[in-house]
C-alpha atoms as a PDB file:
ATOM      1  CA  MET A   1      25.167  -8.048  -0.426  1.00  0.00           C
ATOM      2  CA  SER A   2      24.452  -7.823   3.203  1.00  0.00           C
ATOM      3  CA  ALA A   3      24.977 -10.752   5.815  1.00  0.00           C
ATOM      4  CA  ASP A   4      21.167 -10.893   6.300  1.00  0.00           C
ATOM      5  CA  ILE A   5      20.156 -11.091   2.690  1.00  0.00           C
ATOM      6  CA  PRO A   6      20.859 -14.816   1.115  1.00  0.00           C
ATOM      7  CA  GLU A   7      22.571 -14.364  -2.259  1.00  0.00           C
ATOM      8  CA  THR A   8      21.283 -16.504  -4.929  1.00  0.00           C
ATOM      9  CA  GLN A   9      23.033 -18.088  -7.822  1.00  0.00           C
ATOM     10  CA  GLU A  10      20.561 -16.743 -10.456  1.00  0.00           C
ATOM     11  CA  PRO A  11      19.685 -13.038 -10.655  1.00  0.00           C
ATOM     12  CA  ALA A  12      16.620 -13.944 -12.296  1.00  0.00           C
ATOM     13  CA  ASP A  13      15.430 -15.613  -9.072  1.00  0.00           C
ATOM     14  CA  ALA A  14      16.007 -12.571  -6.843  1.00  0.00           C
ATOM     15  CA  LEU A  15      14.276 -10.222  -9.286  1.00  0.00           C
ATOM     16  CA  ALA A  16      11.551 -12.397  -9.096  1.00  0.00           C
ATOM     17  CA  ALA A  17      11.404 -12.444  -5.396  1.00  0.00           C
ATOM     18  CA  VAL A  18      11.377  -8.610  -5.266  1.00  0.00           C
ATOM     19  CA  VAL A  19       8.573  -8.795  -7.751  1.00  0.00           C
ATOM     20  CA  ALA A  20       6.627 -10.828  -5.464  1.00  0.00           C
ATOM     21  CA  LEU A  21       7.742  -8.889  -2.355  1.00  0.00           C
ATOM     22  CA  ARG A  22       5.970  -5.767  -4.049  1.00  0.00           C
ATOM     23  CA  ARG A  23       3.074  -7.202  -4.942  1.00  0.00           C
ATOM     24  CA  LEU A  24       2.509  -8.561  -1.721  1.00  0.00           C
ATOM     25  CA  ALA A  25       3.171  -5.047  -0.031  1.00  0.00           C
ATOM     26  CA  ASP A  26       0.625  -3.764  -2.431  1.00  0.00           C
ATOM     27  CA  GLN A  27      -1.892  -6.127  -1.059  1.00  0.00           C
ATOM     28  CA  LEU A  28      -0.980  -5.264   2.117  1.00  0.00           C
ATOM     29  CA  GLU A  29      -1.408  -1.742   1.580  1.00  0.00           C
ATOM     30  CA  ASP A  30      -4.821  -2.041  -0.202  1.00  0.00           C
ATOM     31  CA  ALA A  31      -6.269  -3.955   2.802  1.00  0.00           C
ATOM     32  CA  ALA A  32      -4.669  -1.593   5.364  1.00  0.00           C
ATOM     33  CA  VAL A  33      -5.966   1.598   3.614  1.00  0.00           C
ATOM     34  CA  GLU A  34      -9.248   0.102   3.184  1.00  0.00           C
ATOM     35  CA  GLN A  35      -9.591  -1.121   6.872  1.00  0.00           C
ATOM     36  CA  ALA A  36      -8.669   2.318   7.922  1.00  0.00           C
ATOM     37  CA  MET A  37     -10.986   4.224   5.643  1.00  0.00           C
ATOM     38  CA  ARG A  38     -13.862   1.935   6.778  1.00  0.00           C
ATOM     39  CA  ALA A  39     -13.134   3.011  10.453  1.00  0.00           C
ATOM     40  CA  GLY A  40     -13.657   6.354   9.633  1.00  0.00           C
ATOM     41  CA  TRP A  41      -9.621   7.633   9.017  1.00  0.00           C
ATOM     42  CA  SER A  42      -9.016  10.772   7.086  1.00  0.00           C
ATOM     43  CA  TRP A  43      -7.233  10.629   3.818  1.00  0.00           C
ATOM     44  CA  PRO A  44      -4.257  12.772   6.051  1.00  0.00           C
ATOM     45  CA  GLN A  45      -4.254  10.355   8.695  1.00  0.00           C
ATOM     46  CA  VAL A  46      -3.693   7.503   6.141  1.00  0.00           C
ATOM     47  CA  ALA A  47      -1.168   9.472   4.331  1.00  0.00           C
ATOM     48  CA  GLU A  48       0.969  10.205   7.358  1.00  0.00           C
ATOM     49  CA  ALA A  49       0.898   6.648   8.836  1.00  0.00           C
ATOM     50  CA  LEU A  50       2.026   5.460   5.101  1.00  0.00           C
ATOM     51  CA  GLY A  51       4.626   8.299   5.196  1.00  0.00           C
ATOM     52  CA  VAL A  52       3.229   9.978   1.821  1.00  0.00           C
ATOM     53  CA  THR A  53       1.052  13.038   0.574  1.00  0.00           C
ATOM     54  CA  ARG A  54      -2.636  12.894   0.948  1.00  0.00           C
ATOM     55  CA  GLN A  55      -2.993  13.421  -2.576  1.00  0.00           C
ATOM     56  CA  ALA A  56      -0.791  10.640  -3.478  1.00  0.00           C
ATOM     57  CA  VAL A  57      -2.839   8.168  -1.202  1.00  0.00           C
ATOM     58  CA  HIS A  58      -5.963   9.499  -2.526  1.00  0.00           C
ATOM     59  CA  LYS A  59      -5.052   8.982  -6.252  1.00  0.00           C
ATOM     60  CA  LYS A  60      -3.598   5.534  -5.574  1.00  0.00           C
ATOM     61  CA  HIS A  61      -6.401   4.087  -3.414  1.00  0.00           C
ATOM     62  CA  VAL A  62      -9.819   6.249  -4.278  1.00  0.00           C
ATOM     63  CA  LYS A  63     -11.080   4.422  -7.227  1.00  0.00           C
ATOM     64  CA  ARG A  64     -10.651   0.934  -5.536  1.00  0.00           C
ATOM     65  CA  LEU A  65     -12.177   2.052  -2.452  1.00  0.00           C
ATOM     66  CA  ILE A  66     -15.382   3.555  -3.971  1.00  0.00           C
ATOM     67  CA  ALA A  67     -15.546   0.191  -6.359  1.00  0.00           C
ATOM     68  CA  ALA A  68     -15.586  -1.894  -2.987  1.00  0.00           C
ATOM     69  CA  GLY A  69     -18.390   0.055  -1.489  1.00  0.00           C
ATOM     70  CA  VAL A  70     -16.550   2.276   1.182  1.00  0.00           C
ATOM     71  CA  THR A  71     -17.972   5.324   2.452  1.00  0.00           C
ATOM     72  CA  LEU A  72     -14.865   7.915   2.307  1.00  0.00           C
ATOM     73  CA  ARG A  73     -15.269  10.787   4.679  1.00  0.00           C
ATOM     74  CA  ARG A  74     -15.538  14.279   2.818  1.00  0.00           C
ATOM     75  CA  ARG A  75     -13.413  17.315   3.493  1.00  0.00           C
ATOM     76  CA  GLN A  76     -14.759  19.663   6.137  1.00  0.00           C
END
C-alpha cells in the first residue's frame, strides 16, 4: 500500500470508506455540473472539464437538471 494511505485492519472498513468517497464525489459532481449549467455552460464545456464525453455527461445529468428546473442550452 502507499505510504500516504493508512492501512486498516478490516477490509470491510476500507471498502466502506471507498463507497462513502464515491458517494461524496457523485454529490460534488452533481452540484458542480448544476452550478456550471446554471451559469450558462454548454454540455461540451462541462464534459471537457470532467474529462468525459458530452454524451456521457448529458446522459448522467440531464434528467436531474430538468427536474431541478435548470434551463439547459440547446445545440445551435
